[in-house]
Amino acid sequence: MFSPDTINKFASTPTPFYYYDLELLKKTLDALKKESDKYGYIVHYAMKANANDEILSAIQKSGLGADCVSGNEVKKASDEKFEKIFFAGVGKSDEEINVALDRNITCFNCESLQEIEVIDELAKKKNKIASIAFRINPNVNANTHKYITTGLEENKFGINLWELEEVVKRTQQLKNIKIIGIHFHIGSQITDLSAFKTLCLRVNEIQSWFVSHHIPLEIINVGGGLGVDYHEPEKNSIPNFESFFLLFKNFLEILPNQKVHFEIGRAIVAQCGNLISKVLYIKKGVSTNFIILDAGMTELIRPALYQSYHKIENISPTANPKNDVQNQKYDVVGPICESSDCFGKSVMLPETKRGDLVAIRTTGAYGEVMASQYNLRDKVKAVY
């Protein structure tokens, strides 16, 4: 992953910083487009994964649409000239809805009747018709971490099946709303593709309900959630888009003139990003030694937030043992005044010393975009 020349450049770059491999990003986008285009599928990039300017520029040039979950993301997508913009989110403010109406976005993914009524009211004031898709909670278990599961009835997202008929009937009465589709998103970092098969079968059932009620749908939006390999980023740097899209082709029943939309974020950008940090200190502990880095949960909050795994490597030329016998066990932590500021426990690494460079892999998604300035730390830069 990191050539000697690249590591030499790292040595002269102030740490910590995000390192993005734009060549890998392009290869990932090419692989995604190749497989999705086979079936005429339309892919939107989920901007919440990473809103870095260089990343967005590359994705926009590839022809993807944008999936936004805030007014500022809508503005950014519009400014970056994304052609198809969807606006999702369970708590859209009036100001954000007005921004989306002013930018003439493609579709609002709506999660409650009250939200739809507010959009109708605001659209009426602007003498506009807002196109919407119902985000429906299919009650499908994504078999992923509970914090990133979104398709169960216990989650806050979407319209529940038991209230769907009432919501649709009321929406049909609104003069400034146009129903164009249905939308689903069951969770994130899904590696068991059988969850998507279950989703397809549930979507087919729900689609039949709309057909029986003579409600035409232009769009079937199945969301995203495809996971990546955090354990072997080198071996599996590009997700298996072929199997992913083929599954939907095999199990999703589409009517004539309907378009299938996807909202993919992590699978596009995760592997192209790395957090590069420097070792400040090696501190001896009772049962393990600590590697204390200059990067912390302010630069990558995922391990602290829901105990996510990221592969950690000492990339200094001097730390390159010939066999695992020379490896030692470390807890890799940051400098933030929180015990949860830990990137990994009992991590096996070559003997590590002050000043060594450490790469935390697969941080292109939900790394930089979730950064904070807790402890009044400076926001760190990106290197490409």
Protein backbone atom coordinates (compact mmCIF):
# COMPACT_ATOMS: atom_id res chain seq x y z
CA MET A 1 0.00 0.00 0.00
CA PHE A 2 2.69 2.48 0.99
CA SER A 3 5.77 2.66 -1.21
CA PRO A 4 9.15 3.72 0.27
CA ASP A 5 8.85 7.05 -1.54
CA THR A 6 5.40 7.62 -0.04
CA ILE A 7 6.61 6.81 3.46
CA ASN A 8 9.56 9.20 3.00
CA LYS A 9 7.07 11.94 2.10
CA PHE A 10 5.02 11.04 5.17
CA ALA A 11 8.12 11.53 7.32
CA SER A 12 8.30 15.20 6.31
CA THR A 13 4.55 15.86 6.66
CA PRO A 14 3.21 17.14 10.01
CA THR A 15 1.10 14.46 11.67
CA PRO A 16 -1.59 13.42 12.12
CA PHE A 17 -3.16 13.65 8.66
CA TYR A 18 -5.64 11.83 6.44
CA TYR A 19 -4.03 10.18 3.43
CA TYR A 20 -6.24 9.51 0.41
CA ASP A 21 -5.27 7.24 -2.46
CA LEU A 22 -7.18 8.86 -5.35
CA GLU A 23 -6.03 6.17 -7.78
CA LEU A 24 -7.70 3.49 -5.64
CA LEU A 25 -10.82 5.67 -5.42
CA LYS A 26 -10.96 5.84 -9.22
CA LYS A 27 -10.55 2.06 -9.55
CA THR A 28 -13.34 1.58 -7.03
CA LEU A 29 -15.64 3.94 -8.91
CA ASP A 30 -14.82 2.22 -12.20
CA ALA A 31 -15.66 -1.19 -10.69
CA LEU A 32 -18.91 0.12 -9.24
CA LYS A 33 -19.99 1.73 -12.51
CA LYS A 34 -19.12 -1.35 -14.53
CA GLU A 35 -21.37 -3.58 -12.42
CA SER A 36 -24.26 -1.16 -11.81
CA ASP A 37 -24.43 -0.13 -15.45
CA LYS A 38 -25.04 -3.75 -16.47
CA TYR A 39 -28.57 -3.45 -15.12
CA GLY A 40 -29.23 0.25 -15.62
CA TYR A 41 -29.02 0.90 -11.87
CA ILE A 42 -28.55 4.48 -10.65
CA VAL A 43 -26.10 4.98 -7.79
CA HIS A 44 -26.02 7.98 -5.47
CA TYR A 45 -23.01 8.67 -3.28
CA ALA A 46 -23.92 8.92 0.40
CA MET A 47 -22.17 12.16 1.27
CA LYS A 48 -22.24 11.52 5.00
CA ALA A 49 -19.39 9.02 4.49
CA ASN A 50 -16.88 11.66 3.38
CA ALA A 51 -17.42 15.23 2.15
CA ASN A 52 -13.79 16.04 1.35
CA ASP A 53 -13.62 18.33 -1.71
CA GLU A 54 -11.20 16.18 -3.72
CA ILE A 55 -13.20 13.04 -2.95
CA LEU A 56 -16.48 14.69 -3.97
CA SER A 57 -14.97 16.04 -7.18
CA ALA A 58 -13.79 12.58 -8.27
CA ILE A 59 -17.16 11.01 -7.45
CA GLN A 60 -19.14 13.71 -9.25
CA LYS A 61 -17.01 13.29 -12.37
CA SER A 62 -17.81 9.57 -12.36
CA GLY A 63 -21.48 10.40 -12.92
CA LEU A 64 -22.96 9.33 -9.58
CA GLY A 65 -25.85 11.16 -7.94
CA ALA A 66 -25.78 12.43 -4.35
CA ASP A 67 -27.56 11.16 -1.25
CA CYS A 68 -27.78 13.94 1.34
CA VAL A 69 -28.93 13.97 4.96
CA SER A 70 -28.65 17.67 5.79
CA GLY A 71 -29.29 21.03 4.21
CA ASN A 72 -25.59 21.78 4.03
CA GLU A 73 -24.98 18.48 2.23
CA VAL A 74 -27.68 19.49 -0.26
CA LYS A 75 -25.91 22.83 -0.80
CA LYS A 76 -22.56 21.09 -1.22
CA ALA A 77 -23.93 18.53 -3.68
CA SER A 78 -25.59 21.29 -5.68
CA ASP A 79 -22.44 23.41 -5.69
CA GLU A 80 -20.42 20.38 -6.82
CA LYS A 81 -22.88 19.97 -9.74
CA PHE A 82 -24.28 16.57 -8.81
CA GLU A 83 -27.21 16.07 -11.18
CA LYS A 84 -29.47 13.78 -9.13
CA ILE A 85 -29.81 14.82 -5.49
CA PHE A 86 -31.89 12.91 -2.94
CA PHE A 87 -32.53 14.37 0.52
CA ALA A 88 -33.06 11.85 3.33
CA GLY A 89 -33.12 12.20 7.09
CA VAL A 90 -35.60 11.77 9.91
CA GLY A 91 -35.38 15.38 11.11
CA LYS A 92 -35.34 17.85 8.22
CA SER A 93 -35.78 21.42 9.48
CA ASP A 94 -37.95 23.97 7.66
CA GLU A 95 -34.80 25.84 6.66
CA GLU A 96 -33.25 22.68 5.18
CA ILE A 97 -36.43 21.82 3.29
CA ASN A 98 -36.51 25.32 1.82
CA VAL A 99 -32.86 24.96 0.74
CA ALA A 100 -33.73 21.72 -1.05
CA LEU A 101 -36.79 23.26 -2.70
CA ASP A 102 -34.76 26.25 -3.87
CA ARG A 103 -32.12 23.92 -5.32
CA ASN A 104 -34.79 21.87 -7.15
CA ILE A 105 -33.55 18.53 -5.87
CA THR A 106 -34.70 15.31 -7.47
CA CYS A 107 -36.47 13.73 -4.50
CA PHE A 108 -37.19 14.01 -0.77
CA ASN A 109 -37.00 10.65 1.01
CA CYS A 110 -39.73 11.18 3.63
CA GLU A 111 -39.94 9.42 6.98
CA SER A 112 -43.25 10.57 8.52
CA LEU A 113 -46.63 12.00 7.61
CA GLN A 114 -45.93 15.19 9.52
CA GLU A 115 -42.74 15.74 7.53
CA ILE A 116 -44.64 15.29 4.25
CA GLU A 117 -47.27 17.80 5.37
CA VAL A 118 -44.56 20.35 6.20
CA ILE A 119 -42.89 19.86 2.80
CA ASP A 120 -46.28 20.35 1.14
CA GLU A 121 -46.87 23.57 3.09
CA LEU A 122 -43.44 24.99 2.26
CA ALA A 123 -43.66 23.94 -1.40
CA LYS A 124 -47.05 25.65 -1.69
CA LYS A 125 -45.51 28.94 -0.52
CA LYS A 126 -42.96 28.66 -3.31
CA ASN A 127 -45.55 27.54 -5.87
CA LYS A 128 -43.60 24.30 -6.38
CA ILE A 129 -44.35 20.58 -6.51
CA ALA A 130 -42.04 18.48 -4.34
CA SER A 131 -41.29 14.94 -5.53
CA ILE A 132 -41.12 12.46 -2.67
CA ALA A 133 -40.40 8.82 -1.94
CA PHE A 134 -41.77 7.15 1.17
CA ARG A 135 -38.95 5.81 3.31
CA ILE A 136 -40.50 2.60 4.58
CA ASN A 137 -39.21 0.63 7.53
CA PRO A 138 -39.24 -2.96 6.23
CA ASN A 139 -38.42 -4.51 9.63
CA VAL A 140 -35.43 -6.35 8.15
CA ASN A 141 -32.45 -7.21 10.36
CA ALA A 142 -29.21 -6.15 8.68
CA ASN A 143 -27.12 -8.36 11.01
CA THR A 144 -24.71 -5.53 11.77
CA HIS A 145 -23.83 -3.39 14.82
CA LYS A 146 -26.91 -2.17 16.70
CA TYR A 147 -25.80 1.46 16.35
CA ILE A 148 -25.83 1.25 12.54
CA THR A 149 -28.95 -0.86 12.10
CA THR A 150 -31.75 1.28 10.69
CA GLY A 151 -34.41 -1.05 9.27
CA LEU A 152 -36.09 -2.46 12.39
CA GLU A 153 -39.32 -1.22 13.94
CA GLU A 154 -37.41 -0.24 17.08
CA ASN A 155 -35.29 2.23 15.06
CA LYS A 156 -36.28 5.87 14.59
CA PHE A 157 -36.12 5.70 10.81
CA GLY A 158 -38.85 5.33 8.23
CA ILE A 159 -42.60 4.82 8.03
CA ASN A 160 -43.76 1.60 9.66
CA LEU A 161 -45.71 -0.90 7.60
CA TRP A 162 -48.72 -0.74 9.92
CA GLU A 163 -49.17 2.99 9.26
CA LEU A 164 -48.34 2.99 5.55
CA GLU A 165 -51.90 2.97 4.22
CA GLU A 166 -52.92 5.97 6.35
CA VAL A 167 -49.80 7.94 5.35
CA VAL A 168 -50.25 7.24 1.64
CA LYS A 169 -53.96 8.10 1.68
CA ARG A 170 -53.28 11.45 3.38
CA THR A 171 -50.35 12.23 1.07
CA GLN A 172 -52.53 11.72 -1.99
CA GLN A 173 -54.71 14.59 -0.76
CA LEU A 174 -51.82 17.08 -0.72
CA LYS A 175 -51.67 19.40 -3.74
CA ASN A 176 -47.95 20.22 -3.73
CA ILE A 177 -46.60 16.69 -3.33
CA LYS A 178 -45.87 14.18 -6.08
CA ILE A 179 -45.31 10.55 -5.07
CA ILE A 180 -42.55 9.09 -7.26
CA GLY A 181 -41.13 6.18 -5.29
CA ILE A 182 -40.40 4.14 -2.22
CA HIS A 183 -37.15 4.13 -0.29
CA PHE A 184 -35.44 1.69 2.07
CA HIS A 185 -32.19 1.56 4.03
CA ILE A 186 -31.68 -1.27 6.50
CA GLY A 187 -28.25 -0.44 7.92
CA SER A 188 -24.55 -0.04 7.33
CA GLN A 189 -21.42 -2.22 7.06
CA ILE A 190 -23.48 -5.22 5.93
CA THR A 191 -21.26 -8.13 4.91
CA ASP A 192 -23.91 -10.85 4.93
CA LEU A 193 -25.58 -10.41 1.53
CA SER A 194 -28.54 -12.54 2.61
CA ALA A 195 -29.85 -9.45 4.42
CA PHE A 196 -30.21 -7.76 1.02
CA LYS A 197 -32.07 -10.80 -0.34
CA THR A 198 -34.53 -10.48 2.55
CA LEU A 199 -34.87 -6.79 1.74
CA CYS A 200 -35.63 -7.55 -1.92
CA LEU A 201 -38.40 -9.97 -0.99
CA ARG A 202 -39.92 -7.42 1.39
CA VAL A 203 -39.71 -4.68 -1.24
CA ASN A 204 -41.53 -6.97 -3.68
CA GLU A 205 -44.36 -7.40 -1.18
CA ILE A 206 -44.62 -3.66 -0.58
CA GLN A 207 -44.47 -2.91 -4.29
CA SER A 208 -47.43 -5.27 -4.76
CA TRP A 209 -49.41 -3.24 -2.24
CA PHE A 210 -48.83 -0.06 -4.26
CA VAL A 211 -49.81 -1.85 -7.48
CA SER A 212 -53.04 -3.09 -5.88
CA HIS A 213 -53.84 0.49 -4.86
CA HIS A 214 -53.13 1.79 -8.38
CA ILE A 215 -50.23 4.00 -7.26
CA PRO A 216 -47.51 4.10 -9.93
CA LEU A 217 -43.90 4.28 -8.75
CA GLU A 218 -41.02 5.57 -10.88
CA ILE A 219 -38.30 4.87 -8.33
CA ILE A 220 -37.41 1.89 -6.17
CA ASN A 221 -34.62 3.09 -3.87
CA VAL A 222 -33.01 0.25 -1.94
CA GLY A 223 -30.49 2.44 -0.08
CA GLY A 224 -26.98 1.22 0.62
CA GLY A 225 -25.14 -0.52 3.43
CA LEU A 226 -22.63 -2.71 1.57
CA GLY A 227 -19.72 -3.37 3.92
CA VAL A 228 -15.96 -3.40 3.40
CA ASP A 229 -13.14 -5.58 4.70
CA TYR A 230 -11.57 -3.76 7.64
CA HIS A 231 -9.36 -6.75 8.51
CA GLU A 232 -7.71 -7.26 5.10
CA PRO A 233 -7.76 -3.86 3.36
CA GLU A 234 -4.87 -4.78 1.06
CA LYS A 235 -6.38 -8.07 -0.05
CA ASN A 236 -9.92 -6.71 -0.51
CA SER A 237 -9.41 -3.08 -1.42
CA ILE A 238 -12.45 -3.02 -3.73
CA PRO A 239 -15.80 -4.48 -2.56
CA ASN A 240 -17.50 -7.25 -4.49
CA PHE A 241 -19.89 -5.02 -6.43
CA GLU A 242 -20.54 -7.83 -8.92
CA SER A 243 -22.23 -10.09 -6.33
CA PHE A 244 -23.98 -7.15 -4.68
CA PHE A 245 -25.74 -5.82 -7.79
CA LEU A 246 -26.37 -9.32 -9.19
CA LEU A 247 -28.32 -10.19 -6.04
CA PHE A 248 -30.72 -7.31 -6.63
CA LYS A 249 -31.02 -8.29 -10.29
CA ASN A 250 -31.96 -11.83 -9.26
CA PHE A 251 -34.41 -11.08 -6.45
CA LEU A 252 -35.85 -7.59 -6.93
CA GLU A 253 -38.99 -7.53 -9.09
CA ILE A 254 -39.13 -4.36 -11.17
CA LEU A 255 -42.02 -3.10 -13.26
CA PRO A 256 -41.58 -1.59 -16.75
CA ASN A 257 -40.11 1.94 -16.76
CA GLN A 258 -39.06 1.76 -13.11
CA LYS A 259 -35.52 2.72 -12.10
CA VAL A 260 -33.63 1.15 -9.22
CA HIS A 261 -31.56 3.55 -7.12
CA PHE A 262 -28.81 2.82 -4.60
CA GLU A 263 -27.20 5.07 -1.97
CA ILE A 264 -23.66 3.85 -1.37
CA GLY A 265 -21.04 5.60 0.75
CA ARG A 266 -18.65 3.47 2.79
CA ALA A 267 -18.06 0.92 0.02
CA ILE A 268 -16.85 3.68 -2.29
CA VAL A 269 -14.49 5.65 -0.05
CA ALA A 270 -13.51 3.58 3.00
CA GLN A 271 -10.47 1.78 1.61
CA CYS A 272 -8.95 4.80 -0.14
CA GLY A 273 -8.45 6.61 3.17
CA ASN A 274 -5.91 6.13 5.96
CA LEU A 275 -5.12 8.06 9.12
CA ILE A 276 -1.37 8.58 9.47
CA SER A 277 -0.06 9.30 12.95
CA LYS A 278 3.22 9.50 14.81
CA VAL A 279 4.16 7.72 18.02
CA LEU A 280 4.57 10.20 20.84
CA TYR A 281 5.48 7.78 23.61
CA ILE A 282 5.74 4.12 24.54
CA LYS A 283 4.34 3.65 28.02
CA LYS A 284 4.80 0.43 30.01
CA GLY A 285 1.68 -1.06 31.54
CA VAL A 286 0.87 -3.97 33.82
CA SER A 287 -0.27 -6.47 31.20
CA THR A 288 0.51 -4.57 28.00
CA ASN A 289 2.49 -1.61 26.74
CA PHE A 290 0.78 1.45 25.35
CA ILE A 291 1.56 3.14 22.05
CA ILE A 292 0.45 6.75 22.50
CA LEU A 293 -0.22 8.43 19.15
CA ASP A 294 -0.67 12.08 18.20
CA ALA A 295 -3.99 11.12 16.55
CA GLY A 296 -7.01 10.47 18.71
CA MET A 297 -10.76 10.04 18.75
CA THR A 298 -10.98 13.60 17.43
CA GLU A 299 -9.62 12.30 14.12
CA LEU A 300 -11.32 8.87 14.14
CA ILE A 301 -14.22 8.40 16.53
CA ARG A 302 -15.52 5.05 15.25
CA PRO A 303 -13.55 2.80 17.67
CA ALA A 304 -14.66 4.90 20.66
CA LEU A 305 -18.25 5.24 19.40
CA TYR A 306 -19.02 1.59 18.66
CA GLN A 307 -15.82 -0.39 19.16
CA SER A 308 -15.11 -0.69 15.46
CA TYR A 309 -11.99 -2.47 14.23
CA HIS A 310 -9.36 -0.80 12.06
CA LYS A 311 -6.14 -2.50 11.00
CA ILE A 312 -3.14 -0.74 12.54
CA GLU A 313 0.31 -0.91 10.99
CA ASN A 314 3.72 0.47 11.92
CA ILE A 315 4.92 1.72 8.53
CA SER A 316 8.34 3.04 9.59
CA PRO A 317 11.11 1.34 7.56
CA THR A 318 12.92 0.31 10.73
CA ALA A 319 9.86 -1.55 12.09
CA ASN A 320 9.73 -4.46 9.68
CA PRO A 321 10.31 -7.81 11.40
CA LYS A 322 10.98 -10.88 9.29
CA ASN A 323 8.56 -13.02 11.28
CA ASP A 324 5.78 -12.76 13.84
CA VAL A 325 8.07 -13.83 16.67
CA GLN A 326 9.47 -10.30 16.80
CA ASN A 327 5.99 -8.79 17.18
CA GLN A 328 4.84 -7.40 20.49
CA LYS A 329 1.44 -6.71 22.01
CA TYR A 330 0.35 -3.09 22.41
CA ASP A 331 -2.74 -1.08 23.26
CA VAL A 332 -2.80 1.71 20.66
CA VAL A 333 -4.30 4.88 22.13
CA GLY A 334 -4.59 8.59 21.48
CA PRO A 335 -3.86 11.70 23.57
CA ILE A 336 -7.47 12.70 24.33
CA CYS A 337 -8.54 12.89 27.98
CA GLU A 338 -11.01 10.02 27.68
CA SER A 339 -10.42 6.32 28.45
CA SER A 340 -12.42 5.48 25.34
CA ASP A 341 -9.73 7.15 23.20
CA CYS A 342 -8.36 3.81 22.08
CA PHE A 343 -7.83 2.54 18.53
CA GLY A 344 -7.09 -1.07 19.39
CA LYS A 345 -6.25 -3.38 22.29
CA SER A 346 -3.66 -6.15 22.26
CA VAL A 347 -2.52 -5.19 18.77
CA MET A 348 0.45 -7.26 17.56
CA LEU A 349 3.07 -4.94 16.02
CA PRO A 350 6.82 -4.90 15.46
CA GLU A 351 8.77 -3.34 18.32
CA THR A 352 7.69 0.27 18.15
CA LYS A 353 9.47 3.37 19.36
CA ARG A 354 8.92 7.10 19.71
CA GLY A 355 8.77 8.83 16.33
CA ASP A 356 7.57 5.80 14.35
CA LEU A 357 4.81 6.33 11.80
CA VAL A 358 1.58 4.39 12.24
CA ALA A 359 -1.16 3.91 9.64
CA ILE A 360 -4.74 3.29 10.75
CA ARG A 361 -6.33 1.72 7.70
CA THR A 362 -9.77 1.98 6.05
CA THR A 363 -10.62 5.42 7.41
CA GLY A 364 -11.94 6.97 4.20
CA ALA A 365 -15.50 6.59 5.47
CA TYR A 366 -16.60 8.24 8.72
CA GLY A 367 -13.09 9.40 9.57
CA GLU A 368 -12.50 12.99 8.49
CA VAL A 369 -16.21 13.74 8.18
CA MET A 370 -16.82 12.92 11.87
CA ALA A 371 -13.76 14.77 13.18
CA SER A 372 -14.16 17.16 16.10
CA GLN A 373 -12.14 19.78 17.93
CA TYR A 374 -12.67 18.30 21.39
CA ASN A 375 -9.89 19.40 23.77
CA LEU A 376 -9.57 22.40 21.41
CA ARG A 377 -7.47 20.33 19.03
CA ASP A 378 -6.76 21.59 15.53
CA LYS A 379 -8.56 19.91 12.67
CA VAL A 380 -5.98 17.96 10.70
CA LYS A 381 -5.27 18.22 6.99
CA ALA A 382 -5.63 15.79 4.12
CA VAL A 383 -2.83 14.60 1.84
CA TYR A 384 -3.45 12.98 -1.55
